[in-house]
N, C-alpha and C. Protein backbone atom coordinates (compact mmCIF):
# COMPACT_ATOMS: atom_id res chain seq x y z
N UNK A 1 -22.67 52.68 -7.20
CA UNK A 1 -22.85 51.29 -7.47
C UNK A 1 -21.77 50.46 -6.78
N UNK A 2 -22.17 49.49 -6.08
CA UNK A 2 -21.21 48.65 -5.36
C UNK A 2 -20.73 47.53 -6.27
N UNK A 3 -19.43 47.35 -6.28
CA UNK A 3 -18.85 46.26 -7.07
C UNK A 3 -18.86 44.99 -6.22
N UNK A 4 -19.19 43.90 -6.86
CA UNK A 4 -19.15 42.63 -6.14
C UNK A 4 -17.73 42.08 -6.24
N UNK A 5 -17.25 41.55 -5.16
CA UNK A 5 -15.89 41.00 -5.14
C UNK A 5 -15.94 39.53 -5.50
N UNK A 6 -15.13 39.15 -6.45
CA UNK A 6 -15.03 37.75 -6.84
C UNK A 6 -13.80 37.14 -6.19
N UNK A 7 -13.92 35.92 -5.73
CA UNK A 7 -12.72 35.27 -5.18
C UNK A 7 -11.74 34.99 -6.33
N UNK A 8 -10.46 34.97 -6.05
CA UNK A 8 -9.49 34.69 -7.11
C UNK A 8 -9.67 33.27 -7.65
N UNK A 9 -9.39 33.12 -8.93
CA UNK A 9 -9.50 31.80 -9.54
C UNK A 9 -8.37 30.88 -9.08
N UNK A 10 -8.43 29.66 -9.52
CA UNK A 10 -7.42 28.69 -9.11
C UNK A 10 -6.13 28.84 -9.90
N UNK A 11 -6.19 29.46 -11.06
CA UNK A 11 -4.98 29.78 -11.79
C UNK A 11 -4.54 28.73 -12.80
N UNK A 12 -3.55 29.10 -13.61
CA UNK A 12 -3.10 28.21 -14.67
C UNK A 12 -2.37 26.97 -14.14
N UNK A 13 -1.72 27.07 -12.99
CA UNK A 13 -1.05 25.89 -12.45
C UNK A 13 -2.05 24.79 -12.12
N UNK A 14 -3.17 25.17 -11.52
CA UNK A 14 -4.20 24.19 -11.20
C UNK A 14 -4.78 23.59 -12.47
N UNK A 15 -5.02 24.42 -13.48
CA UNK A 15 -5.56 23.90 -14.75
C UNK A 15 -4.61 22.90 -15.39
N UNK A 16 -3.32 23.17 -15.31
CA UNK A 16 -2.34 22.23 -15.86
C UNK A 16 -2.33 20.91 -15.12
N UNK A 17 -2.38 20.97 -13.80
CA UNK A 17 -2.42 19.74 -13.01
C UNK A 17 -3.71 18.98 -13.27
N UNK A 18 -4.83 19.69 -13.36
CA UNK A 18 -6.12 19.05 -13.60
C UNK A 18 -6.13 18.38 -14.97
N UNK A 19 -5.61 19.07 -15.98
CA UNK A 19 -5.58 18.51 -17.34
C UNK A 19 -4.69 17.27 -17.39
N UNK A 20 -3.53 17.33 -16.74
CA UNK A 20 -2.65 16.16 -16.71
C UNK A 20 -3.29 14.98 -16.02
N UNK A 21 -3.98 15.23 -14.92
CA UNK A 21 -4.67 14.16 -14.20
C UNK A 21 -5.79 13.57 -15.04
N UNK A 22 -6.52 14.41 -15.75
CA UNK A 22 -7.61 13.93 -16.60
C UNK A 22 -7.07 13.06 -17.73
N UNK A 23 -5.97 13.49 -18.35
CA UNK A 23 -5.37 12.69 -19.43
C UNK A 23 -4.85 11.36 -18.90
N UNK A 24 -4.24 11.37 -17.74
CA UNK A 24 -3.73 10.15 -17.14
C UNK A 24 -4.86 9.17 -16.82
N UNK A 25 -5.94 9.69 -16.28
CA UNK A 25 -7.09 8.83 -15.96
C UNK A 25 -7.72 8.26 -17.23
N UNK A 26 -7.80 9.05 -18.27
CA UNK A 26 -8.34 8.56 -19.54
C UNK A 26 -7.46 7.45 -20.10
N UNK A 27 -6.14 7.64 -20.07
CA UNK A 27 -5.23 6.62 -20.57
C UNK A 27 -5.32 5.34 -19.74
N UNK A 28 -5.46 5.47 -18.43
CA UNK A 28 -5.63 4.28 -17.59
C UNK A 28 -6.90 3.52 -17.98
N UNK A 29 -7.98 4.24 -18.20
CA UNK A 29 -9.24 3.60 -18.58
C UNK A 29 -9.13 2.89 -19.91
N UNK A 30 -8.46 3.51 -20.86
CA UNK A 30 -8.27 2.88 -22.18
C UNK A 30 -7.43 1.62 -22.02
N UNK A 31 -6.38 1.70 -21.20
CA UNK A 31 -5.53 0.52 -20.98
C UNK A 31 -6.27 -0.62 -20.30
N UNK A 32 -7.11 -0.29 -19.32
CA UNK A 32 -7.86 -1.33 -18.62
C UNK A 32 -8.83 -2.05 -19.55
N UNK A 33 -9.30 -1.38 -20.58
CA UNK A 33 -10.21 -2.01 -21.53
C UNK A 33 -9.43 -2.68 -22.65
N UNK A 34 -8.40 -2.01 -23.17
CA UNK A 34 -7.71 -2.49 -24.36
C UNK A 34 -6.83 -3.72 -24.09
N UNK A 35 -6.13 -3.76 -22.98
CA UNK A 35 -5.21 -4.87 -22.74
C UNK A 35 -5.92 -6.22 -22.62
N UNK A 36 -7.01 -6.35 -21.88
CA UNK A 36 -7.70 -7.65 -21.87
C UNK A 36 -8.27 -8.02 -23.25
N UNK A 37 -8.75 -7.03 -24.00
CA UNK A 37 -9.25 -7.33 -25.34
C UNK A 37 -8.12 -7.78 -26.26
N UNK A 38 -6.96 -7.18 -26.14
CA UNK A 38 -5.81 -7.59 -26.93
C UNK A 38 -5.40 -9.01 -26.57
N UNK A 39 -5.34 -9.31 -25.28
CA UNK A 39 -4.98 -10.66 -24.84
C UNK A 39 -5.99 -11.68 -25.34
N UNK A 40 -7.27 -11.34 -25.30
CA UNK A 40 -8.30 -12.27 -25.76
C UNK A 40 -8.20 -12.49 -27.27
N UNK A 41 -7.81 -11.47 -28.00
CA UNK A 41 -7.71 -11.63 -29.45
C UNK A 41 -6.46 -12.41 -29.85
N UNK A 42 -5.42 -12.43 -29.01
CA UNK A 42 -4.18 -13.12 -29.35
C UNK A 42 -4.15 -14.56 -28.88
N UNK A 43 -5.02 -14.93 -27.96
CA UNK A 43 -5.03 -16.29 -27.43
C UNK A 43 -6.39 -16.92 -27.68
N UNK A 44 -6.41 -18.22 -27.57
CA UNK A 44 -7.68 -18.94 -27.71
C UNK A 44 -8.16 -19.47 -26.37
N UNK A 45 -7.35 -19.36 -25.34
CA UNK A 45 -7.73 -19.86 -24.03
C UNK A 45 -8.77 -18.92 -23.41
N UNK A 46 -9.86 -19.44 -22.84
CA UNK A 46 -10.90 -18.58 -22.27
C UNK A 46 -10.53 -17.96 -20.94
N UNK A 47 -9.54 -18.51 -20.26
CA UNK A 47 -9.19 -18.01 -18.94
C UNK A 47 -7.70 -18.10 -18.71
N UNK A 48 -7.30 -17.95 -17.47
CA UNK A 48 -5.86 -17.99 -17.18
C UNK A 48 -5.24 -19.37 -17.29
N UNK A 49 -6.05 -20.45 -17.26
CA UNK A 49 -5.51 -21.79 -17.36
C UNK A 49 -5.93 -22.43 -18.68
N UNK A 50 -4.99 -22.98 -19.41
CA UNK A 50 -5.37 -23.65 -20.67
C UNK A 50 -6.12 -24.94 -20.40
N UNK A 51 -7.01 -25.27 -21.28
CA UNK A 51 -7.81 -26.49 -21.10
C UNK A 51 -7.36 -27.56 -22.04
């Protein structure tokens, strides 16, 4: 019976870098949504210039 050869995996270092990048991207997305909502809830001005 012939064994099939599998290529080596990317390893734990790659998984750590990938996980860190995924967490960073998630935090950026949360910040991009949360900060404008926080600013809108703290001010009454509809835009950057007060009326």
